[in-house]
């Protein structure tokens, strides 16, 4: 899974019919411990109603096609959760 922040949208007037009605968002990958950007981006289908600047969890590859909204759809990344917080053990290195 990828921790990220929604930073944009992708608008497509022409696309595969199976993608009609799906929202495509640009997600900037974040380091889990610092929540700082890593410099990587991914376009992901929004399965949970995420909005601008929200922290989200993204799954990629075959897992992206297992969410209810993306079953049997040609997607490679799906937003599956909106993150409330990230908590580490006090003894982490």
N, C-alpha and C. Protein backbone atom coordinates (compact mmCIF):
# COMPACT_ATOMS: atom_id res chain seq x y z
N UNK A 1 0.84 -1.18 0.00
CA UNK A 1 0.00 0.00 0.00
C UNK A 1 0.88 1.24 0.00
N UNK A 2 0.33 2.29 -0.52
CA UNK A 2 1.04 3.56 -0.62
C UNK A 2 0.29 4.60 0.20
N UNK A 3 1.02 5.32 1.05
CA UNK A 3 0.44 6.47 1.76
C UNK A 3 0.65 7.67 0.86
N UNK A 4 -0.41 8.45 0.63
CA UNK A 4 -0.28 9.59 -0.26
C UNK A 4 -1.23 10.71 0.09
N UNK A 5 -1.10 11.79 -0.69
CA UNK A 5 -1.96 12.97 -0.54
C UNK A 5 -2.54 13.30 -1.89
N UNK A 6 -3.85 13.50 -1.94
CA UNK A 6 -4.51 13.87 -3.20
C UNK A 6 -4.07 15.28 -3.58
N UNK A 7 -3.53 15.41 -4.78
CA UNK A 7 -3.01 16.72 -5.19
C UNK A 7 -3.56 17.18 -6.55
N UNK A 8 -4.45 16.42 -7.15
CA UNK A 8 -5.01 16.85 -8.43
C UNK A 8 -6.03 15.87 -8.96
N UNK A 9 -6.60 16.23 -10.10
CA UNK A 9 -7.58 15.37 -10.77
C UNK A 9 -7.16 15.17 -12.21
N UNK A 10 -7.66 14.11 -12.80
CA UNK A 10 -7.45 13.84 -14.22
C UNK A 10 -8.83 13.80 -14.87
N UNK A 11 -9.02 14.60 -15.92
CA UNK A 11 -10.28 14.65 -16.64
C UNK A 11 -10.06 14.04 -18.02
N UNK A 12 -10.87 13.06 -18.37
CA UNK A 12 -10.76 12.39 -19.66
C UNK A 12 -12.12 12.43 -20.34
N UNK A 13 -12.20 13.09 -21.48
CA UNK A 13 -13.48 13.14 -22.19
C UNK A 13 -13.71 11.86 -22.98
N UNK A 14 -12.63 11.16 -23.34
CA UNK A 14 -12.74 9.88 -24.02
C UNK A 14 -11.97 8.84 -23.23
N UNK A 15 -12.65 7.76 -22.90
CA UNK A 15 -12.01 6.69 -22.14
C UNK A 15 -12.76 5.39 -22.35
N UNK A 16 -12.16 4.29 -21.91
CA UNK A 16 -12.81 3.00 -21.99
C UNK A 16 -14.15 3.07 -21.26
N UNK A 17 -15.16 2.43 -21.85
CA UNK A 17 -16.51 2.48 -21.28
C UNK A 17 -16.57 2.01 -19.83
N UNK A 18 -15.71 1.09 -19.45
CA UNK A 18 -15.75 0.57 -18.08
C UNK A 18 -15.26 1.59 -17.06
N UNK A 19 -14.64 2.68 -17.52
CA UNK A 19 -14.16 3.72 -16.62
C UNK A 19 -15.14 4.89 -16.47
N UNK A 20 -16.20 4.88 -17.23
CA UNK A 20 -17.18 5.96 -17.15
C UNK A 20 -17.76 5.99 -15.74
N UNK A 21 -17.79 7.17 -15.13
CA UNK A 21 -18.33 7.35 -13.79
C UNK A 21 -17.31 7.22 -12.68
N UNK A 22 -16.08 6.83 -13.02
CA UNK A 22 -15.04 6.72 -12.00
C UNK A 22 -14.23 8.01 -11.95
N UNK A 23 -13.94 8.47 -10.74
CA UNK A 23 -13.14 9.69 -10.54
C UNK A 23 -11.67 9.30 -10.50
N UNK A 24 -10.85 10.00 -11.30
CA UNK A 24 -9.42 9.76 -11.34
C UNK A 24 -8.70 10.90 -10.62
N UNK A 25 -7.88 10.55 -9.64
CA UNK A 25 -7.18 11.55 -8.85
C UNK A 25 -5.67 11.35 -8.94
N UNK A 26 -4.93 12.44 -8.88
CA UNK A 26 -3.47 12.39 -8.82
C UNK A 26 -3.09 12.33 -7.35
N UNK A 27 -2.28 11.33 -6.99
CA UNK A 27 -1.86 11.15 -5.61
C UNK A 27 -0.35 11.25 -5.53
N UNK A 28 0.13 12.10 -4.62
CA UNK A 28 1.56 12.27 -4.37
C UNK A 28 1.95 11.33 -3.24
N UNK A 29 2.94 10.46 -3.48
CA UNK A 29 3.37 9.51 -2.45
C UNK A 29 4.05 10.25 -1.30
N UNK A 30 3.77 9.79 -0.06
CA UNK A 30 4.37 10.37 1.14
C UNK A 30 5.16 9.31 1.89
N UNK A 31 6.26 9.73 2.54
CA UNK A 31 7.00 8.84 3.43
C UNK A 31 6.13 8.60 4.66
N UNK A 32 6.02 7.35 5.09
CA UNK A 32 5.14 7.02 6.21
C UNK A 32 5.53 7.71 7.51
N UNK A 33 6.84 7.80 7.79
CA UNK A 33 7.25 8.34 9.09
C UNK A 33 7.22 9.86 9.17
N UNK A 34 7.47 10.54 8.05
CA UNK A 34 7.53 12.01 8.08
C UNK A 34 6.36 12.69 7.38
N UNK A 35 5.63 11.91 6.59
CA UNK A 35 4.56 12.45 5.74
C UNK A 35 5.08 13.49 4.75
N UNK A 36 6.37 13.43 4.44
CA UNK A 36 6.98 14.31 3.44
C UNK A 36 6.86 13.66 2.06
N UNK A 37 6.68 14.46 1.01
CA UNK A 37 6.58 13.91 -0.34
C UNK A 37 7.86 13.19 -0.76
N UNK A 38 7.69 12.07 -1.49
CA UNK A 38 8.83 11.31 -1.98
C UNK A 38 9.22 11.72 -3.40
N UNK A 39 8.35 12.48 -4.06
CA UNK A 39 8.61 12.87 -5.45
C UNK A 39 7.94 11.96 -6.46
N UNK A 40 7.22 10.94 -5.99
CA UNK A 40 6.51 10.03 -6.88
C UNK A 40 5.02 10.36 -6.89
N UNK A 41 4.41 10.16 -8.05
CA UNK A 41 2.99 10.41 -8.22
C UNK A 41 2.34 9.21 -8.89
N UNK A 42 1.04 9.04 -8.66
CA UNK A 42 0.27 7.99 -9.31
C UNK A 42 -1.13 8.52 -9.59
N UNK A 43 -1.71 8.09 -10.70
CA UNK A 43 -3.12 8.39 -10.98
C UNK A 43 -3.91 7.19 -10.49
N UNK A 44 -4.88 7.44 -9.62
CA UNK A 44 -5.63 6.34 -9.00
C UNK A 44 -7.13 6.59 -9.11
N UNK A 45 -7.88 5.51 -9.24
CA UNK A 45 -9.34 5.57 -9.20
C UNK A 45 -9.75 5.77 -7.75
N UNK A 46 -10.69 6.67 -7.52
CA UNK A 46 -11.18 6.95 -6.18
C UNK A 46 -12.36 6.04 -5.86
N UNK A 47 -12.17 5.12 -4.91
CA UNK A 47 -13.24 4.20 -4.53
C UNK A 47 -13.94 4.60 -3.24
N UNK A 48 -13.48 5.72 -2.61
CA UNK A 48 -14.01 6.06 -1.28
C UNK A 48 -14.48 7.51 -1.14
N UNK A 49 -14.44 8.29 -2.19
CA UNK A 49 -14.90 9.68 -2.10
C UNK A 49 -13.87 10.63 -1.52
N UNK A 50 -12.60 10.42 -1.83
CA UNK A 50 -11.53 11.28 -1.32
C UNK A 50 -11.60 12.66 -1.99
N UNK A 51 -11.05 13.65 -1.29
CA UNK A 51 -11.05 15.01 -1.81
C UNK A 51 -9.66 15.61 -1.81
N UNK A 52 -9.58 16.83 -2.29
CA UNK A 52 -8.30 17.54 -2.41
C UNK A 52 -7.58 17.62 -1.08
N UNK A 53 -6.28 17.37 -1.11
CA UNK A 53 -5.36 17.47 0.02
C UNK A 53 -5.56 16.41 1.10
N UNK A 54 -6.47 15.47 0.92
CA UNK A 54 -6.66 14.43 1.93
C UNK A 54 -5.56 13.39 1.82
N UNK A 55 -5.17 12.85 2.99
CA UNK A 55 -4.22 11.74 3.01
C UNK A 55 -5.00 10.46 2.76
N UNK A 56 -4.46 9.59 1.89
CA UNK A 56 -5.17 8.39 1.46
C UNK A 56 -4.24 7.19 1.42
N UNK A 57 -4.83 5.99 1.36
CA UNK A 57 -4.10 4.76 1.09
C UNK A 57 -4.44 4.31 -0.32
N UNK A 58 -3.42 3.94 -1.06
CA UNK A 58 -3.58 3.50 -2.45
C UNK A 58 -3.03 2.08 -2.56
N UNK A 59 -3.78 1.22 -3.25
CA UNK A 59 -3.27 -0.10 -3.61
C UNK A 59 -3.00 -0.11 -5.11
N UNK A 60 -2.00 -0.89 -5.51
CA UNK A 60 -1.61 -0.91 -6.92
C UNK A 60 -1.53 -2.34 -7.43
N UNK A 61 -1.47 -2.47 -8.73
CA UNK A 61 -1.38 -3.78 -9.36
C UNK A 61 -2.70 -4.51 -9.29
N UNK A 62 -2.64 -5.84 -9.19
CA UNK A 62 -3.87 -6.63 -9.21
C UNK A 62 -4.79 -6.31 -8.03
N UNK A 63 -4.24 -5.86 -6.90
CA UNK A 63 -5.06 -5.48 -5.75
C UNK A 63 -5.98 -4.31 -6.06
N UNK A 64 -5.58 -3.46 -6.99
CA UNK A 64 -6.38 -2.30 -7.36
C UNK A 64 -7.70 -2.70 -8.01
N UNK A 65 -7.76 -3.90 -8.54
CA UNK A 65 -8.98 -4.38 -9.20
C UNK A 65 -9.88 -5.19 -8.27
N UNK A 66 -9.58 -5.19 -6.97
CA UNK A 66 -10.37 -5.97 -6.02
C UNK A 66 -11.38 -5.13 -5.24
N UNK A 67 -11.30 -3.81 -5.34
CA UNK A 67 -12.29 -2.95 -4.67
C UNK A 67 -13.63 -3.10 -5.38
N UNK A 68 -14.70 -2.89 -4.65
CA UNK A 68 -16.04 -3.06 -5.22
C UNK A 68 -16.24 -2.23 -6.48
N UNK A 69 -15.79 -0.97 -6.49
CA UNK A 69 -16.00 -0.08 -7.64
C UNK A 69 -15.10 -0.41 -8.83
N UNK A 70 -14.04 -1.18 -8.60
CA UNK A 70 -13.08 -1.42 -9.68
C UNK A 70 -13.02 -2.87 -10.15
N UNK A 71 -13.94 -3.71 -9.69
CA UNK A 71 -13.95 -5.11 -10.12
C UNK A 71 -14.03 -5.20 -11.63
N UNK A 72 -13.12 -5.99 -12.20
CA UNK A 72 -13.10 -6.24 -13.64
C UNK A 72 -12.89 -4.98 -14.48
N UNK A 73 -12.24 -3.97 -13.91
CA UNK A 73 -11.97 -2.73 -14.64
C UNK A 73 -10.46 -2.61 -14.89
N UNK A 74 -10.06 -1.97 -15.98
CA UNK A 74 -8.64 -1.88 -16.32
C UNK A 74 -7.93 -0.78 -15.53
N UNK A 75 -7.74 -1.00 -14.24
CA UNK A 75 -7.08 0.00 -13.39
C UNK A 75 -5.84 -0.61 -12.74
N UNK A 76 -4.88 0.24 -12.42
CA UNK A 76 -3.64 -0.22 -11.81
C UNK A 76 -3.41 0.40 -10.44
N UNK A 77 -4.23 1.37 -10.05
CA UNK A 77 -4.11 2.00 -8.73
C UNK A 77 -5.50 2.46 -8.28
N UNK A 78 -5.83 2.18 -7.01
CA UNK A 78 -7.13 2.54 -6.45
C UNK A 78 -6.96 3.10 -5.05
N UNK A 79 -7.64 4.22 -4.79
CA UNK A 79 -7.69 4.78 -3.43
C UNK A 79 -8.73 3.97 -2.67
N UNK A 80 -8.27 3.32 -1.57
CA UNK A 80 -9.17 2.43 -0.83
C UNK A 80 -9.49 2.94 0.58
N UNK A 81 -8.83 4.04 1.01
CA UNK A 81 -9.10 4.56 2.36
C UNK A 81 -8.67 6.01 2.47
N UNK A 82 -9.37 6.75 3.31
CA UNK A 82 -8.97 8.11 3.69
C UNK A 82 -8.34 7.98 5.08
N UNK A 83 -7.11 8.46 5.22
CA UNK A 83 -6.32 8.25 6.44
C UNK A 83 -6.67 9.31 7.48
N UNK A 84 -6.97 8.86 8.70
CA UNK A 84 -7.19 9.77 9.82
C UNK A 84 -5.88 10.08 10.53
N UNK A 85 -5.06 9.06 10.75
CA UNK A 85 -3.77 9.28 11.41
C UNK A 85 -2.85 8.11 11.13
N UNK A 86 -1.56 8.35 11.33
CA UNK A 86 -0.54 7.31 11.24
C UNK A 86 0.19 7.33 12.57
N UNK A 87 0.24 6.19 13.27
CA UNK A 87 0.83 6.12 14.61
C UNK A 87 1.95 5.07 14.60
N UNK A 88 3.11 5.44 15.09
CA UNK A 88 4.23 4.51 15.19
C UNK A 88 4.44 4.15 16.66
N UNK A 89 5.06 2.98 16.90
CA UNK A 89 5.49 2.61 18.25
C UNK A 89 6.52 3.60 18.72
N UNK A 90 6.58 3.84 20.02
CA UNK A 90 7.56 4.78 20.58
C UNK A 90 8.99 4.31 20.38
N UNK A 91 9.19 3.00 20.23
CA UNK A 91 10.53 2.45 20.13
C UNK A 91 11.01 2.25 18.70
N UNK A 92 10.35 2.88 17.73
CA UNK A 92 10.78 2.67 16.35
C UNK A 92 12.15 3.29 16.12
N UNK A 93 12.89 2.73 15.17
CA UNK A 93 14.23 3.25 14.91
C UNK A 93 14.23 4.24 13.77
